[in-house]
Structure formats: C-alpha cells, structure tokens
Amino acid sequence: MADVLIRNLSEDLVAKLKARAAGNNRSLQAELTSILTAAVKPTLEEWWAEAAAFRERSKEWNITDDSTDLIREDRDSR
C-alpha cells in the first residue's frame, strides 16, 4: 500500500479528526482512510451515467431476458 504525507495541518483540524475517529471507534489512520475513500466514490449522477454507458455497450452482446430459447436449444441437443 502507498503512503501519503500531509504537511502543515492545523492543530485544531487534527484534534477534530481525532475526535471524529474516536466517535467512530477508529484510529486516526482508519478515519482518514474512510474520509478519503468516501471522497473519491462516484456521485449518484456519475453512477447512473456509468450504468447508462454500460447498458449501451452491452446492447451489442445480444443478451435477452427470456431464456426459453436457450433452454430449448439445450434440451434439443441431448
């Protein structure tokens, strides 16, 4: 895993982060990891845009919701 060093944080900010970590029963490192992880998660709008793009890409895969033909083909091949 990589390390990140953040310099020149105010004592007040560090105290608030430590208090937040304690309130969540986490170490300061775990709290900062949680904060940073949440910060880079896609927004709901980004998620829906990615889902729409995936749907567009998957149209060419010729996937159907009805498996009847596949089941019939499998049964007929026996």
C-alpha atoms as a PDB file:
ATOM      1  CA  MET A   1       0.000   0.000   0.000  1.00  0.00           C
ATOM      2  CA  ALA A   2       1.071   3.545  -0.627  1.00  0.00           C
ATOM      3  CA  ASP A   3       1.731   6.176   1.995  1.00  0.00           C
ATOM      4  CA  VAL A   4       0.532   9.775   1.879  1.00  0.00           C
ATOM      5  CA  LEU A   5       2.020  12.569   3.940  1.00  0.00           C
ATOM      6  CA  ILE A   6       0.019  15.738   4.545  1.00  0.00           C
ATOM      7  CA  ARG A   7       2.019  18.598   5.983  1.00  0.00           C
ATOM      8  CA  ASN A   8       1.040  21.745   7.819  1.00  0.00           C
ATOM      9  CA  LEU A   9      -2.333  20.710   9.213  1.00  0.00           C
ATOM     10  CA  SER A  10      -3.586  22.938  11.975  1.00  0.00           C
ATOM     11  CA  GLU A  11      -3.675  21.533  15.487  1.00  0.00           C
ATOM     12  CA  ASP A  12      -7.402  22.283  15.559  1.00  0.00           C
ATOM     13  CA  LEU A  13      -8.047  20.222  12.427  1.00  0.00           C
ATOM     14  CA  VAL A  14      -6.031  17.290  13.749  1.00  0.00           C
ATOM     15  CA  ALA A  15      -7.905  17.461  17.060  1.00  0.00           C
ATOM     16  CA  LYS A  16     -11.248  17.422  15.225  1.00  0.00           C
ATOM     17  CA  LEU A  17     -10.154  14.478  13.099  1.00  0.00           C
ATOM     18  CA  LYS A  18      -9.016  12.573  16.187  1.00  0.00           C
ATOM     19  CA  ALA A  19     -12.337  13.295  17.901  1.00  0.00           C
ATOM     20  CA  ARG A  20     -14.224  12.124  14.824  1.00  0.00           C
ATOM     21  CA  ALA A  21     -12.124   8.959  14.719  1.00  0.00           C
ATOM     22  CA  ALA A  22     -12.785   8.286  18.394  1.00  0.00           C
ATOM     23  CA  GLY A  23     -16.501   8.853  17.848  1.00  0.00           C
ATOM     24  CA  ASN A  24     -16.437   6.213  15.122  1.00  0.00           C
ATOM     25  CA  ASN A  25     -14.298   3.823  17.194  1.00  0.00           C
ATOM     26  CA  ARG A  26     -11.475   4.027  14.676  1.00  0.00           C
ATOM     27  CA  SER A  27      -7.860   5.009  14.672  1.00  0.00           C
ATOM     28  CA  LEU A  28      -6.949   8.316  13.082  1.00  0.00           C
ATOM     29  CA  GLN A  29      -5.474   6.430  10.135  1.00  0.00           C
ATOM     30  CA  ALA A  30      -8.650   4.380   9.660  1.00  0.00           C
ATOM     31  CA  GLU A  31     -10.776   7.522   9.893  1.00  0.00           C
ATOM     32  CA  LEU A  32      -8.674   9.338   7.311  1.00  0.00           C
ATOM     33  CA  THR A  33      -8.839   6.304   5.029  1.00  0.00           C
ATOM     34  CA  SER A  34     -12.620   6.289   5.384  1.00  0.00           C
ATOM     35  CA  ILE A  35     -12.862  10.010   4.618  1.00  0.00           C
ATOM     36  CA  LEU A  36     -10.629   9.744   1.559  1.00  0.00           C
ATOM     37  CA  THR A  37     -12.418   6.638   0.284  1.00  0.00           C
ATOM     38  CA  ALA A  38     -15.780   8.394   0.542  1.00  0.00           C
ATOM     39  CA  ALA A  39     -14.354  11.454  -1.205  1.00  0.00           C
ATOM     40  CA  VAL A  40     -13.470   9.527  -4.360  1.00  0.00           C
ATOM     41  CA  LYS A  41     -16.649   7.454  -4.625  1.00  0.00           C
ATOM     42  CA  PRO A  42     -18.693   8.370  -7.671  1.00  0.00           C
ATOM     43  CA  THR A  43     -21.695  10.592  -7.128  1.00  0.00           C
ATOM     44  CA  LEU A  44     -25.138   9.182  -7.789  1.00  0.00           C
ATOM     45  CA  GLU A  45     -25.235  11.063 -11.094  1.00  0.00           C
ATOM     46  CA  GLU A  46     -21.858   9.616 -12.105  1.00  0.00           C
ATOM     47  CA  TRP A  47     -23.023   6.129 -11.144  1.00  0.00           C
ATOM     48  CA  TRP A  48     -26.170   6.425 -13.273  1.00  0.00           C
ATOM     49  CA  ALA A  49     -24.145   7.794 -16.188  1.00  0.00           C
ATOM     50  CA  GLU A  50     -21.780   4.821 -15.967  1.00  0.00           C
ATOM     51  CA  ALA A  51     -24.751   2.431 -15.777  1.00  0.00           C
ATOM     52  CA  ALA A  52     -26.266   4.025 -18.893  1.00  0.00           C
ATOM     53  CA  ALA A  53     -22.952   3.742 -20.731  1.00  0.00           C
ATOM     54  CA  PHE A  54     -22.704   0.086 -19.713  1.00  0.00           C
ATOM     55  CA  ARG A  55     -26.225  -0.577 -20.982  1.00  0.00           C
ATOM     56  CA  GLU A  56     -25.290   0.975 -24.324  1.00  0.00           C
ATOM     57  CA  ARG A  57     -22.125  -1.127 -24.582  1.00  0.00           C
ATOM     58  CA  SER A  58     -23.975  -4.303 -23.630  1.00  0.00           C
ATOM     59  CA  LYS A  59     -26.636  -3.932 -26.338  1.00  0.00           C
ATOM     60  CA  GLU A  60     -24.275  -5.500 -28.861  1.00  0.00           C
ATOM     61  CA  TRP A  61     -23.861  -8.596 -26.689  1.00  0.00           C
ATOM     62  CA  ASN A  62     -27.263  -9.895 -27.842  1.00  0.00           C
ATOM     63  CA  ILE A  63     -28.414 -10.810 -24.359  1.00  0.00           C
ATOM     64  CA  THR A  64     -32.107 -11.433 -23.863  1.00  0.00           C
ATOM     65  CA  ASP A  65     -34.119 -11.597 -20.688  1.00  0.00           C
ATOM     66  CA  ASP A  66     -36.006 -14.642 -21.956  1.00  0.00           C
ATOM     67  CA  SER A  67     -34.021 -17.846 -21.556  1.00  0.00           C
ATOM     68  CA  THR A  68     -36.663 -20.028 -23.219  1.00  0.00           C
ATOM     69  CA  ASP A  69     -34.738 -20.337 -26.477  1.00  0.00           C
ATOM     70  CA  LEU A  70     -31.535 -21.257 -24.668  1.00  0.00           C
ATOM     71  CA  ILE A  71     -33.276 -23.910 -22.584  1.00  0.00           C
ATOM     72  CA  ARG A  72     -34.999 -25.355 -25.660  1.00  0.00           C
ATOM     73  CA  GLU A  73     -31.709 -25.441 -27.566  1.00  0.00           C
ATOM     74  CA  ASP A  74     -30.008 -27.208 -24.674  1.00  0.00           C
ATOM     75  CA  ARG A  75     -32.790 -29.784 -24.348  1.00  0.00           C
ATOM     76  CA  ASP A  76     -32.855 -30.444 -28.086  1.00  0.00           C
ATOM     77  CA  SER A  77     -29.115 -31.079 -28.141  1.00  0.00           C
ATOM     78  CA  ARG A  78     -29.412 -34.048 -25.760  1.00  0.00           C
END
